[in-house]
Amino acid sequence: MTAKEILEIIENIRANGACFGIRSTDEEHEVGDELESSYNWNEFDEENDGEELGGTCCTGFGYLYFDGEQSDLDEIEKALEINSRYAGEHQYLVYARYGGEYGDDEQEVIFQAPEVVAVIR
């Protein structure tokens, strides 16, 4: 899926006031699935400590202007590149009706109960 296709999906849904992100995972999901909470990871031994974060970690987008300019596509491409650093066979475009908070990683957002709106790969 291209950045332009992702932008079109976001533009069609954004009227609902949703926040969007990209999630990579080994778990297979379909459009409409609600994603489970992520776990807190110990960066030193690369294992989760069993503590749920109360939301799902995703790569968020910088500000999108929805004005047809290249900057929107650049922000989506940047988020795709950052998210590709994470392990996971599958990649999804998700949205969170309930908003979220910032995480510790680059452009990381933690969404409560995000829903899959598109399968990227």
PDB file of N, CA and C in Angstrom:
ATOM      1  N   MET A   1       0.851  -1.170   0.000  1.00  0.00           N
ATOM      2  CA  MET A   1       0.000   0.000   0.000  1.00  0.00           C
ATOM      3  C   MET A   1       0.899   1.237   0.000  1.00  0.00           C
ATOM      4  N   THR A   2       0.555   2.206  -0.815  1.00  0.00           N
ATOM      5  CA  THR A   2       1.371   3.413  -0.942  1.00  0.00           C
ATOM      6  C   THR A   2       0.946   4.481   0.064  1.00  0.00           C
ATOM      7  N   ALA A   3       1.821   5.464   0.231  1.00  0.00           N
ATOM      8  CA  ALA A   3       1.500   6.590   1.117  1.00  0.00           C
ATOM      9  C   ALA A   3       0.261   7.329   0.615  1.00  0.00           C
ATOM     10  N   LYS A   4       0.104   7.440  -0.688  1.00  0.00           N
ATOM     11  CA  LYS A   4      -1.070   8.122  -1.248  1.00  0.00           C
ATOM     12  C   LYS A   4      -2.354   7.357  -0.921  1.00  0.00           C
ATOM     13  N   GLU A   5      -2.325   6.030  -1.002  1.00  0.00           N
ATOM     14  CA  GLU A   5      -3.500   5.229  -0.654  1.00  0.00           C
ATOM     15  C   GLU A   5      -3.834   5.359   0.830  1.00  0.00           C
ATOM     16  N   ILE A   6      -2.797   5.389   1.670  1.00  0.00           N
ATOM     17  CA  ILE A   6      -3.011   5.577   3.112  1.00  0.00           C
ATOM     18  C   ILE A   6      -3.641   6.938   3.384  1.00  0.00           C
ATOM     19  N   LEU A   7      -3.146   7.979   2.718  1.00  0.00           N
ATOM     20  CA  LEU A   7      -3.694   9.320   2.901  1.00  0.00           C
ATOM     21  C   LEU A   7      -5.170   9.368   2.498  1.00  0.00           C
ATOM     22  N   GLU A   8      -5.531   8.700   1.418  1.00  0.00           N
ATOM     23  CA  GLU A   8      -6.939   8.674   0.986  1.00  0.00           C
ATOM     24  C   GLU A   8      -7.832   8.028   2.048  1.00  0.00           C
ATOM     25  N   ILE A   9      -7.361   6.937   2.651  1.00  0.00           N
ATOM     26  CA  ILE A   9      -8.136   6.272   3.710  1.00  0.00           C
ATOM     27  C   ILE A   9      -8.298   7.202   4.904  1.00  0.00           C
ATOM     28  N   ILE A  10      -7.206   7.837   5.307  1.00  0.00           N
ATOM     29  CA  ILE A  10      -7.247   8.754   6.450  1.00  0.00           C
ATOM     30  C   ILE A  10      -8.213   9.907   6.171  1.00  0.00           C
ATOM     31  N   GLU A  11      -8.148  10.462   4.964  1.00  0.00           N
ATOM     32  CA  GLU A  11      -9.030  11.579   4.620  1.00  0.00           C
ATOM     33  C   GLU A  11     -10.499  11.181   4.695  1.00  0.00           C
ATOM     34  N   ASN A  12     -10.806   9.952   4.337  1.00  0.00           N
ATOM     35  CA  ASN A  12     -12.197   9.485   4.359  1.00  0.00           C
ATOM     36  C   ASN A  12     -12.713   9.245   5.769  1.00  0.00           C
ATOM     37  N   ILE A  13     -11.835   8.974   6.716  1.00  0.00           N
ATOM     38  CA  ILE A  13     -12.240   8.642   8.086  1.00  0.00           C
ATOM     39  C   ILE A  13     -12.061   9.813   9.045  1.00  0.00           C
ATOM     40  N   ARG A  14     -11.192  10.739   8.742  1.00  0.00           N
ATOM     41  CA  ARG A  14     -10.778  11.777   9.696  1.00  0.00           C
ATOM     42  C   ARG A  14     -11.904  12.644  10.205  1.00  0.00           C
ATOM     43  N   ALA A  15     -13.022  12.692   9.503  1.00  0.00           N
ATOM     44  CA  ALA A  15     -14.148  13.498   9.971  1.00  0.00           C
ATOM     45  C   ALA A  15     -14.653  13.018  11.326  1.00  0.00           C
ATOM     46  N   ASN A  16     -14.325  11.784  11.671  1.00  0.00           N
ATOM     47  CA  ASN A  16     -14.738  11.245  12.967  1.00  0.00           C
ATOM     48  C   ASN A  16     -13.829  11.692  14.103  1.00  0.00           C
ATOM     49  N   GLY A  17     -12.831  12.501  13.825  1.00  0.00           N
ATOM     50  CA  GLY A  17     -11.932  12.998  14.851  1.00  0.00           C
ATOM     51  C   GLY A  17     -10.956  11.954  15.349  1.00  0.00           C
ATOM     52  N   ALA A  18     -10.660  10.981  14.533  1.00  0.00           N
ATOM     53  CA  ALA A  18      -9.803   9.876  14.942  1.00  0.00           C
ATOM     54  C   ALA A  18      -8.325  10.221  14.811  1.00  0.00           C
ATOM     55  N   CYS A  19      -7.515   9.553  15.627  1.00  0.00           N
ATOM     56  CA  CYS A  19      -6.060   9.614  15.533  1.00  0.00           C
ATOM     57  C   CYS A  19      -5.605   8.359  14.793  1.00  0.00           C
ATOM     58  N   PHE A  20      -4.581   8.483  13.972  1.00  0.00           N
ATOM     59  CA  PHE A  20      -4.123   7.371  13.148  1.00  0.00           C
ATOM     60  C   PHE A  20      -2.690   6.985  13.465  1.00  0.00           C
ATOM     61  N   GLY A  21      -2.363   5.734  13.182  1.00  0.00           N
ATOM     62  CA  GLY A  21      -1.010   5.246  13.357  1.00  0.00           C
ATOM     63  C   GLY A  21      -0.792   3.980  12.553  1.00  0.00           C
ATOM     64  N   ILE A  22       0.441   3.503  12.584  1.00  0.00           N
ATOM     65  CA  ILE A  22       0.825   2.277  11.901  1.00  0.00           C
ATOM     66  C   ILE A  22       1.321   1.296  12.942  1.00  0.00           C
ATOM     67  N   ARG A  23       0.866   0.068  12.848  1.00  0.00           N
ATOM     68  CA  ARG A  23       1.224  -0.981  13.809  1.00  0.00           C
ATOM     69  C   ARG A  23       1.802  -2.178  13.061  1.00  0.00           C
ATOM     70  N   SER A  24       2.982  -2.619  13.456  1.00  0.00           N
ATOM     71  CA  SER A  24       3.581  -3.854  12.945  1.00  0.00           C
ATOM     72  C   SER A  24       3.476  -4.925  14.010  1.00  0.00           C
ATOM     73  N   THR A  25       3.148  -6.135  13.574  1.00  0.00           N
ATOM     74  CA  THR A  25       2.990  -7.250  14.500  1.00  0.00           C
ATOM     75  C   THR A  25       3.069  -8.560  13.728  1.00  0.00           C
ATOM     76  N   ASP A  26       3.358  -9.629  14.431  1.00  0.00           N
ATOM     77  CA  ASP A  26       3.317 -10.950  13.813  1.00  0.00           C
ATOM     78  C   ASP A  26       1.908 -11.515  13.784  1.00  0.00           C
ATOM     79  N   GLU A  27       1.006 -10.893  14.524  1.00  0.00           N
ATOM     80  CA  GLU A  27      -0.378 -11.357  14.583  1.00  0.00           C
ATOM     81  C   GLU A  27      -1.130 -10.909  13.331  1.00  0.00           C
ATOM     82  N   GLU A  28      -1.948 -11.804  12.804  1.00  0.00           N
ATOM     83  CA  GLU A  28      -2.738 -11.490  11.624  1.00  0.00           C
ATOM     84  C   GLU A  28      -4.087 -10.902  12.036  1.00  0.00           C
ATOM     85  N   HIS A  29      -4.444  -9.782  11.426  1.00  0.00           N
ATOM     86  CA  HIS A  29      -5.702  -9.097  11.722  1.00  0.00           C
ATOM     87  C   HIS A  29      -6.426  -8.745  10.437  1.00  0.00           C
ATOM     88  N   GLU A  30      -7.695  -8.429  10.580  1.00  0.00           N
ATOM     89  CA  GLU A  30      -8.522  -7.988   9.464  1.00  0.00           C
ATOM     90  C   GLU A  30      -9.057  -6.593   9.767  1.00  0.00           C
ATOM     91  N   VAL A  31      -9.496  -5.920   8.723  1.00  0.00           N
ATOM     92  CA  VAL A  31     -10.124  -4.609   8.899  1.00  0.00           C
ATOM     93  C   VAL A  31     -11.296  -4.773   9.859  1.00  0.00           C
ATOM     94  N   GLY A  32     -11.362  -3.882  10.836  1.00  0.00           N
ATOM     95  CA  GLY A  32     -12.418  -3.918  11.849  1.00  0.00           C
ATOM     96  C   GLY A  32     -11.983  -4.530  13.162  1.00  0.00           C
ATOM     97  N   ASP A  33     -10.843  -5.249  13.164  1.00  0.00           N
ATOM     98  CA  ASP A  33     -10.348  -5.843  14.412  1.00  0.00           C
ATOM     99  C   ASP A  33      -9.858  -4.765  15.366  1.00  0.00           C
ATOM    100  N   GLU A  34     -10.123  -4.964  16.645  1.00  0.00           N
ATOM    101  CA  GLU A  34      -9.590  -4.102  17.689  1.00  0.00           C
ATOM    102  C   GLU A  34      -8.311  -4.758  18.207  1.00  0.00           C
ATOM    103  N   LEU A  35      -7.233  -3.983  18.310  1.00  0.00           N
ATOM    104  CA  LEU A  35      -5.941  -4.545  18.719  1.00  0.00           C
ATOM    105  C   LEU A  35      -5.791  -4.591  20.230  1.00  0.00           C
ATOM    106  N   GLU A  36      -5.039  -5.581  20.678  1.00  0.00           N
ATOM    107  CA  GLU A  36      -4.792  -5.785  22.103  1.00  0.00           C
ATOM    108  C   GLU A  36      -3.760  -4.786  22.618  1.00  0.00           C
ATOM    109  N   SER A  37      -3.701  -4.678  23.928  1.00  0.00           N
ATOM    110  CA  SER A  37      -2.702  -3.809  24.560  1.00  0.00           C
ATOM    111  C   SER A  37      -1.303  -4.348  24.340  1.00  0.00           C
ATOM    112  N   SER A  38      -0.363  -3.434  24.236  1.00  0.00           N
ATOM    113  CA  SER A  38       1.047  -3.795  24.133  1.00  0.00           C
ATOM    114  C   SER A  38       1.625  -3.989  25.529  1.00  0.00           C
ATOM    115  N   TYR A  39       2.784  -4.603  25.580  1.00  0.00           N
ATOM    116  CA  TYR A  39       3.481  -4.819  26.842  1.00  0.00           C
ATOM    117  C   TYR A  39       4.670  -3.877  26.956  1.00  0.00           C
ATOM    118  N   ASN A  40       5.030  -3.576  28.179  1.00  0.00           N
ATOM    119  CA  ASN A  40       6.227  -2.790  28.450  1.00  0.00           C
ATOM    120  C   ASN A  40       7.442  -3.665  28.168  1.00  0.00           C
ATOM    121  N   TRP A  41       8.397  -3.132  27.406  1.00  0.00           N
ATOM    122  CA  TRP A  41       9.597  -3.900  27.056  1.00  0.00           C
ATOM    123  C   TRP A  41      10.801  -3.344  27.782  1.00  0.00           C
ATOM    124  N   ASN A  42      11.645  -4.253  28.243  1.00  0.00           N
ATOM    125  CA  ASN A  42      12.919  -3.881  28.846  1.00  0.00           C
ATOM    126  C   ASN A  42      13.909  -3.731  27.710  1.00  0.00           C
ATOM    127  N   GLU A  43      14.356  -2.512  27.470  1.00  0.00           N
ATOM    128  CA  GLU A  43      15.233  -2.264  26.329  1.00  0.00           C
ATOM    129  C   GLU A  43      16.597  -2.937  26.450  1.00  0.00           C
ATOM    130  N   PHE A  44      16.991  -3.342  27.641  1.00  0.00           N
ATOM    131  CA  PHE A  44      18.300  -3.934  27.809  1.00  0.00           C
ATOM    132  C   PHE A  44      18.341  -5.421  27.477  1.00  0.00           C
ATOM    133  N   ASP A  45      17.293  -6.173  27.836  1.00  0.00           N
ATOM    134  CA  ASP A  45      17.305  -7.601  27.514  1.00  0.00           C
ATOM    135  C   ASP A  45      16.259  -7.971  26.463  1.00  0.00           C
ATOM    136  N   GLU A  46      15.595  -6.954  25.882  1.00  0.00           N
ATOM    137  CA  GLU A  46      14.643  -7.124  24.802  1.00  0.00           C
ATOM    138  C   GLU A  46      13.551  -8.151  25.109  1.00  0.00           C
ATOM    139  N   GLU A  47      13.065  -8.134  26.327  1.00  0.00           N
ATOM    140  CA  GLU A  47      11.954  -8.991  26.733  1.00  0.00           C
ATOM    141  C   GLU A  47      10.895  -8.122  27.388  1.00  0.00           C
ATOM    142  N   ASN A  48       9.626  -8.541  27.236  1.00  0.00           N
ATOM    143  CA  ASN A  48       8.600  -7.756  27.916  1.00  0.00           C
ATOM    144  C   ASN A  48       8.546  -8.193  29.370  1.00  0.00           C
ATOM    145  N   ASP A  49       8.154  -7.266  30.217  1.00  0.00           N
ATOM    146  CA  ASP A  49       8.153  -7.544  31.657  1.00  0.00           C
ATOM    147  C   ASP A  49       6.776  -7.999  32.149  1.00  0.00           C
ATOM    148  N   GLY A  50       5.849  -8.283  31.204  1.00  0.00           N
ATOM    149  CA  GLY A  50       4.529  -8.761  31.580  1.00  0.00           C
ATOM    150  C   GLY A  50       3.541  -7.664  31.937  1.00  0.00           C
ATOM    151  N   GLU A  51       3.996  -6.429  31.965  1.00  0.00           N
ATOM    152  CA  GLU A  51       3.125  -5.298  32.316  1.00  0.00           C
ATOM    153  C   GLU A  51       2.498  -4.717  31.055  1.00  0.00           C
ATOM    154  N   GLU A  52       1.153  -4.728  30.986  1.00  0.00           N
ATOM    155  CA  GLU A  52       0.464  -4.123  29.851  1.00  0.00           C
ATOM    156  C   GLU A  52       0.516  -2.605  29.963  1.00  0.00           C
ATOM    157  N   LEU A  53       0.561  -1.949  28.808  1.00  0.00           N
ATOM    158  CA  LEU A  53       0.651  -0.493  28.786  1.00  0.00           C
ATOM    159  C   LEU A  53      -0.714   0.192  28.852  1.00  0.00           C
ATOM    160  N   GLY A  54      -1.794  -0.555  28.735  1.00  0.00           N
ATOM    161  CA  GLY A  54      -3.114   0.059  28.722  1.00  0.00           C
ATOM    162  C   GLY A  54      -3.475   0.624  27.362  1.00  0.00           C
ATOM    163  N   GLY A  55      -2.729   0.226  26.351  1.00  0.00           N
ATOM    164  CA  GLY A  55      -2.983   0.668  24.984  1.00  0.00           C
ATOM    165  C   GLY A  55      -2.038  -0.054  24.044  1.00  0.00           C
ATOM    166  N   THR A  56      -2.152   0.246  22.779  1.00  0.00           N
ATOM    167  CA  THR A  56      -1.360  -0.413  21.741  1.00  0.00           C
ATOM    168  C   THR A  56      -0.344   0.561  21.175  1.00  0.00           C
ATOM    169  N   CYS A  57       0.915   0.147  21.128  1.00  0.00           N
ATOM    170  CA  CYS A  57       1.979   0.988  20.582  1.00  0.00           C
ATOM    171  C   CYS A  57       1.887   1.022  19.061  1.00  0.00           C
ATOM    172  N   CYS A  58       1.973   2.226  18.511  1.00  0.00           N
ATOM    173  CA  CYS A  58       1.923   2.439  17.072  1.00  0.00           C
ATOM    174  C   CYS A  58       2.891   3.565  16.724  1.00  0.00           C
ATOM    175  N   THR A  59       3.176   3.690  15.451  1.00  0.00           N
ATOM    176  CA  THR A  59       3.939   4.832  14.966  1.00  0.00           C
ATOM    177  C   THR A  59       2.940   5.863  14.467  1.00  0.00           C
ATOM    178  N   GLY A  60       2.959   7.039  15.079  1.00  0.00           N
ATOM    179  CA  GLY A  60       2.032   8.095  14.701  1.00  0.00           C
ATOM    180  C   GLY A  60       2.583   8.937  13.563  1.00  0.00           C
ATOM    181  N   PHE A  61       1.745   9.808  13.058  1.00  0.00           N
ATOM    182  CA  PHE A  61       2.130  10.704  11.975  1.00  0.00           C
ATOM    183  C   PHE A  61       2.421  12.080  12.532  1.00  0.00           C
ATOM    184  N   GLY A  62       3.273  12.804  11.835  1.00  0.00           N
ATOM    185  CA  GLY A  62       3.425  14.212  12.145  1.00  0.00           C
ATOM    186  C   GLY A  62       2.136  14.901  11.726  1.00  0.00           C
ATOM    187  N   TYR A  63       2.068  16.188  11.808  1.00  0.00           N
ATOM    188  CA  TYR A  63       0.829  16.900  11.475  1.00  0.00           C
ATOM    189  C   TYR A  63       0.541  16.773   9.984  1.00  0.00           C
ATOM    190  N   LEU A  64      -0.671  16.339   9.649  1.00  0.00           N
ATOM    191  CA  LEU A  64      -1.105  16.250   8.263  1.00  0.00           C
ATOM    192  C   LEU A  64      -2.032  17.429   7.972  1.00  0.00           C
ATOM    193  N   TYR A  65      -1.769  18.133   6.875  1.00  0.00           N
ATOM    194  CA  TYR A  65      -2.542  19.331   6.543  1.00  0.00           C
ATOM    195  C   TYR A  65      -3.747  19.031   5.658  1.00  0.00           C
ATOM    196  N   PHE A  66      -3.764  17.879   4.982  1.00  0.00           N
ATOM    197  CA  PHE A  66      -4.852  17.498   4.085  1.00  0.00           C
ATOM    198  C   PHE A  66      -5.122  18.573   3.030  1.00  0.00           C
ATOM    199  N   ASP A  67      -4.042  19.155   2.525  1.00  0.00           N
ATOM    200  CA  ASP A  67      -4.194  20.212   1.521  1.00  0.00           C
ATOM    201  C   ASP A  67      -3.683  19.787   0.149  1.00  0.00           C
ATOM    202  N   GLY A  68      -3.381  18.504   0.006  1.00  0.00           N
ATOM    203  CA  GLY A  68      -2.902  18.008  -1.276  1.00  0.00           C
ATOM    204  C   GLY A  68      -1.436  18.247  -1.523  1.00  0.00           C
ATOM    205  N   GLU A  69      -0.745  18.805  -0.554  1.00  0.00           N
ATOM    206  CA  GLU A  69       0.679  19.081  -0.715  1.00  0.00           C
ATOM    207  C   GLU A  69       1.514  17.832  -0.441  1.00  0.00           C
ATOM    208  N   GLN A  70       2.725  17.823  -0.943  1.00  0.00           N
ATOM    209  CA  GLN A  70       3.643  16.698  -0.771  1.00  0.00           C
ATOM    210  C   GLN A  70       3.956  16.444   0.699  1.00  0.00           C
ATOM    211  N   SER A  71       3.860  17.447   1.559  1.00  0.00           N
ATOM    212  CA  SER A  71       4.232  17.265   2.967  1.00  0.00           C
ATOM    213  C   SER A  71       3.398  16.185   3.647  1.00  0.00           C
ATOM    214  N   ASP A  72       2.127  16.035   3.274  1.00  0.00           N
ATOM    215  CA  ASP A  72       1.306  14.974   3.857  1.00  0.00           C
ATOM    216  C   ASP A  72       1.880  13.605   3.494  1.00  0.00           C
ATOM    217  N   LEU A  73       2.214  13.420   2.234  1.00  0.00           N
ATOM    218  CA  LEU A  73       2.783  12.145   1.787  1.00  0.00           C
ATOM    219  C   LEU A  73       4.140  11.904   2.434  1.00  0.00           C
ATOM    220  N   ASP A  74       4.927  12.967   2.594  1.00  0.00           N
ATOM    221  CA  ASP A  74       6.229  12.836   3.258  1.00  0.00           C
ATOM    222  C   ASP A  74       6.075  12.354   4.691  1.00  0.00           C
ATOM    223  N   GLU A  75       5.093  12.895   5.416  1.00  0.00           N
ATOM    224  CA  GLU A  75       4.867  12.484   6.806  1.00  0.00           C
ATOM    225  C   GLU A  75       4.445  11.016   6.894  1.00  0.00           C
ATOM    226  N   ILE A  76       3.615  10.584   5.964  1.00  0.00           N
ATOM    227  CA  ILE A  76       3.191   9.177   5.954  1.00  0.00           C
ATOM    228  C   ILE A  76       4.364   8.280   5.602  1.00  0.00           C
ATOM    229  N   GLU A  77       5.159   8.660   4.611  1.00  0.00           N
ATOM    230  CA  GLU A  77       6.331   7.866   4.234  1.00  0.00           C
ATOM    231  C   GLU A  77       7.333   7.786   5.388  1.00  0.00           C
ATOM    232  N   LYS A  78       7.495   8.887   6.121  1.00  0.00           N
ATOM    233  CA  LYS A  78       8.391   8.885   7.277  1.00  0.00           C
ATOM    234  C   LYS A  78       7.885   7.919   8.343  1.00  0.00           C
ATOM    235  N   ALA A  79       6.580   7.925   8.614  1.00  0.00           N
ATOM    236  CA  ALA A  79       6.011   7.005   9.600  1.00  0.00           C
ATOM    237  C   ALA A  79       6.172   5.552   9.147  1.00  0.00           C
ATOM    238  N   LEU A  80       5.984   5.288   7.863  1.00  0.00           N
ATOM    239  CA  LEU A  80       6.185   3.930   7.336  1.00  0.00           C
ATOM    240  C   LEU A  80       7.633   3.486   7.524  1.00  0.00           C
ATOM    241  N   GLU A  81       8.566   4.394   7.273  1.00  0.00           N
ATOM    242  CA  GLU A  81       9.989   4.061   7.423  1.00  0.00           C
ATOM    243  C   GLU A  81      10.332   3.783   8.884  1.00  0.00           C
ATOM    244  N   ILE A  82       9.860   4.621   9.788  1.00  0.00           N
ATOM    245  CA  ILE A  82      10.124   4.418  11.218  1.00  0.00           C
ATOM    246  C   ILE A  82       9.512   3.096  11.671  1.00  0.00           C
ATOM    247  N   ASN A  83       8.280   2.835  11.273  1.00  0.00           N
ATOM    248  CA  ASN A  83       7.595   1.616  11.699  1.00  0.00           C
ATOM    249  C   ASN A  83       8.243   0.367  11.135  1.00  0.00           C
ATOM    250  N   SER A  84       8.880   0.473   9.980  1.00  0.00           N
ATOM    251  CA  SER A  84       9.524  -0.701   9.380  1.00  0.00           C
ATOM    252  C   SER A  84      10.717  -1.187  10.203  1.00  0.00           C
ATOM    253  N   ARG A  85      11.165  -0.407  11.167  1.00  0.00           N
ATOM    254  CA  ARG A  85      12.273  -0.820  12.041  1.00  0.00           C
ATOM    255  C   ARG A  85      11.821  -1.856  13.075  1.00  0.00           C
ATOM    256  N   TYR A  86      10.514  -1.987  13.251  1.00  0.00           N
ATOM    257  CA  TYR A  86       9.970  -2.911  14.251  1.00  0.00           C
ATOM    258  C   TYR A  86       9.724  -4.272  13.618  1.00  0.00           C
ATOM    259  N   ALA A  87       9.916  -5.310  14.421  1.00  0.00           N
ATOM    260  CA  ALA A  87       9.649  -6.660  13.945  1.00  0.00           C
ATOM    261  C   ALA A  87       8.156  -6.831  13.735  1.00  0.00           C
ATOM    262  N   GLY A  88       7.818  -7.655  12.804  1.00  0.00           N
ATOM    263  CA  GLY A  88       6.418  -7.959  12.555  1.00  0.00           C
ATOM    264  C   GLY A  88       6.189  -8.256  11.094  1.00  0.00           C
ATOM    265  N   GLU A  89       5.590  -9.375  10.842  1.00  0.00           N
ATOM    266  CA  GLU A  89       5.318  -9.792   9.474  1.00  0.00           C
ATOM    267  C   GLU A  89       4.211  -8.948   8.841  1.00  0.00           C
ATOM    268  N   HIS A  90       3.283  -8.455   9.663  1.00  0.00           N
ATOM    269  CA  HIS A  90       2.128  -7.721   9.166  1.00  0.00           C
ATOM    270  C   HIS A  90       2.205  -6.262   9.620  1.00  0.00           C
ATOM    271  N   GLN A  91       1.642  -5.389   8.791  1.00  0.00           N
ATOM    272  CA  GLN A  91       1.636  -3.961   9.098  1.00  0.00           C
ATOM    273  C   GLN A  91       0.232  -3.420   8.796  1.00  0.00           C
ATOM    274  N   TYR A  92      -0.291  -2.623   9.730  1.00  0.00           N
ATOM    275  CA  TYR A  92      -1.674  -2.152   9.636  1.00  0.00           C
ATOM    276  C   TYR A  92      -1.764  -0.650   9.844  1.00  0.00           C
ATOM    277  N   LEU A  93      -2.737  -0.042   9.169  1.00  0.00           N
ATOM    278  CA  LEU A  93      -3.138   1.320   9.458  1.00  0.00           C
ATOM    279  C   LEU A  93      -4.260   1.210  10.469  1.00  0.00           C
ATOM    280  N   VAL A  94      -4.111   1.901  11.598  1.00  0.00           N
ATOM    281  CA  VAL A  94      -5.114   1.820  12.657  1.00  0.00           C
ATOM    282  C   VAL A  94      -5.589   3.213  13.024  1.00  0.00           C
ATOM    283  N   TYR A  95      -6.770   3.256  13.622  1.00  0.00           N
ATOM    284  CA  TYR A  95      -7.220   4.527  14.171  1.00  0.00           C
ATOM    285  C   TYR A  95      -7.785   4.304  15.562  1.00  0.00           C
ATOM    286  N   ALA A  96      -7.696   5.361  16.342  1.00  0.00           N
ATOM    287  CA  ALA A  96      -8.131   5.305  17.735  1.00  0.00           C
ATOM    288  C   ALA A  96      -9.221   6.343  17.932  1.00  0.00           C
ATOM    289  N   ARG A  97     -10.398   5.878  18.246  1.00  0.00           N
ATOM    290  CA  ARG A  97     -11.517   6.791  18.503  1.00  0.00           C
ATOM    291  C   ARG A  97     -11.319   7.546  19.804  1.00  0.00           C
ATOM    292  N   TYR A  98     -10.537   6.955  20.719  1.00  0.00           N
ATOM    293  CA  TYR A  98     -10.416   7.508  22.067  1.00  0.00           C
ATOM    294  C   TYR A  98      -9.111   8.260  22.276  1.00  0.00           C
ATOM    295  N   GLY A  99      -8.372   8.508  21.209  1.00  0.00           N
ATOM    296  CA  GLY A  99      -7.111   9.223  21.331  1.00  0.00           C
ATOM    297  C   GLY A  99      -6.024   8.358  21.931  1.00  0.00           C
ATOM    298  N   GLY A 100      -4.997   8.998  22.415  1.00  0.00           N
ATOM    299  CA  GLY A 100      -3.874   8.256  22.971  1.00  0.00           C
ATOM    300  C   GLY A 100      -2.887   9.175  23.644  1.00  0.00           C
ATOM    301  N   GLU A 101      -1.717   8.641  23.854  1.00  0.00           N
ATOM    302  CA  GLU A 101      -0.643   9.413  24.479  1.00  0.00           C
ATOM    303  C   GLU A 101       0.658   9.091  23.760  1.00  0.00           C
ATOM    304  N   TYR A 102       1.654   9.919  23.982  1.00  0.00           N
ATOM    305  CA  TYR A 102       2.948   9.697  23.356  1.00  0.00           C
ATOM    306  C   TYR A 102       3.723   8.637  24.121  1.00  0.00           C
ATOM    307  N   GLY A 103       4.502   7.842  23.361  1.00  0.00           N
ATOM    308  CA  GLY A 103       5.376   6.844  23.955  1.00  0.00           C
ATOM    309  C   GLY A 103       6.804   7.350  23.991  1.00  0.00           C
ATOM    310  N   ASP A 104       7.742   6.437  24.228  1.00  0.00           N
ATOM    311  CA  ASP A 104       9.145   6.805  24.369  1.00  0.00           C
ATOM    312  C   ASP A 104       9.930   6.776  23.061  1.00  0.00           C
ATOM    313  N   ASP A 105       9.496   5.962  22.096  1.00  0.00           N
ATOM    314  CA  ASP A 105      10.227   5.816  20.839  1.00  0.00           C
ATOM    315  C   ASP A 105       9.874   6.946  19.867  1.00  0.00           C
ATOM    316  N   GLU A 106      10.645   7.040  18.803  1.00  0.00           N
ATOM    317  CA  GLU A 106      10.427   8.072  17.796  1.00  0.00           C
ATOM    318  C   GLU A 106       9.016   7.957  17.213  1.00  0.00           C
ATOM    319  N   GLN A 107       8.243   9.016  17.297  1.00  0.00           N
ATOM    320  CA  GLN A 107       6.870   9.134  16.805  1.00  0.00           C
ATOM    321  C   GLN A 107       5.932   8.056  17.366  1.00  0.00           C
ATOM    322  N   GLU A 108       6.292   7.489  18.522  1.00  0.00           N
ATOM    323  CA  GLU A 108       5.448   6.455  19.122  1.00  0.00           C
ATOM    324  C   GLU A 108       4.227   7.075  19.782  1.00  0.00           C
ATOM    325  N   VAL A 109       3.081   6.450  19.526  1.00  0.00           N
ATOM    326  CA  VAL A 109       1.840   6.794  20.196  1.00  0.00           C
ATOM    327  C   VAL A 109       1.269   5.517  20.784  1.00  0.00           C
ATOM    328  N   ILE A 110       0.552   5.655  21.889  1.00  0.00           N
ATOM    329  CA  ILE A 110      -0.097   4.509  22.520  1.00  0.00           C
ATOM    330  C   ILE A 110      -1.587   4.790  22.494  1.00  0.00           C
ATOM    331  N   PHE A 111      -2.297   4.022  21.677  1.00  0.00           N
ATOM    332  CA  PHE A 111      -3.732   4.204  21.479  1.00  0.00           C
ATOM    333  C   PHE A 111      -4.516   3.216  22.317  1.00  0.00           C
ATOM    334  N   GLN A 112      -5.605   3.674  22.886  1.00  0.00           N
ATOM    335  CA  GLN A 112      -6.529   2.783  23.584  1.00  0.00           C
ATOM    336  C   GLN A 112      -7.487   2.179  22.556  1.00  0.00           C
ATOM    337  N   ALA A 113      -7.512   0.861  22.483  1.00  0.00           N
ATOM    338  CA  ALA A 113      -8.437   0.115  21.621  1.00  0.00           C
ATOM    339  C   ALA A 113      -8.442   0.581  20.169  1.00  0.00           C
ATOM    340  N   PRO A 114      -7.273   0.620  19.507  1.00  0.00           N
ATOM    341  CA  PRO A 114      -7.280   1.026  18.110  1.00  0.00           C
ATOM    342  C   PRO A 114      -7.921  -0.041  17.221  1.00  0.00           C
ATOM    343  N   GLU A 115      -8.493   0.424  16.139  1.00  0.00           N
ATOM    344  CA  GLU A 115      -9.153  -0.468  15.187  1.00  0.00           C
ATOM    345  C   GLU A 115      -8.370  -0.484  13.881  1.00  0.00           C
ATOM    346  N   VAL A 116      -8.211  -1.659  13.296  1.00  0.00           N
ATOM    347  CA  VAL A 116      -7.545  -1.796  12.001  1.00  0.00           C
ATOM    348  C   VAL A 116      -8.481  -1.234  10.919  1.00  0.00           C
ATOM    349  N   VAL A 117      -7.968  -0.282  10.137  1.00  0.00           N
ATOM    350  CA  VAL A 117      -8.763   0.272   9.040  1.00  0.00           C
ATOM    351  C   VAL A 117      -8.206  -0.117   7.675  1.00  0.00           C
ATOM    352  N   ALA A 118      -6.959  -0.632   7.632  1.00  0.00           N
ATOM    353  CA  ALA A 118      -6.380  -1.102   6.377  1.00  0.00           C
ATOM    354  C   ALA A 118      -5.191  -2.017   6.676  1.00  0.00           C
ATOM    355  N   VAL A 119      -5.021  -2.991   5.805  1.00  0.00           N
ATOM    356  CA  VAL A 119      -3.852  -3.866   5.852  1.00  0.00           C
ATOM    357  C   VAL A 119      -2.826  -3.272   4.903  1.00  0.00           C
ATOM    358  N   ILE A 120      -1.673  -2.895   5.445  1.00  0.00           N
ATOM    359  CA  ILE A 120      -0.612  -2.318   4.610  1.00  0.00           C
ATOM    360  C   ILE A 120       0.197  -3.423   3.951  1.00  0.00           C
ATOM    361  N   ARG A 121       0.566  -4.425   4.767  1.00  0.00           N
ATOM    362  CA  ARG A 121       1.254  -5.628   4.245  1.00  0.00           C
ATOM    363  C   ARG A 121       0.986  -6.800   5.153  1.00  0.00           C
TER     364      ARG A 121
END
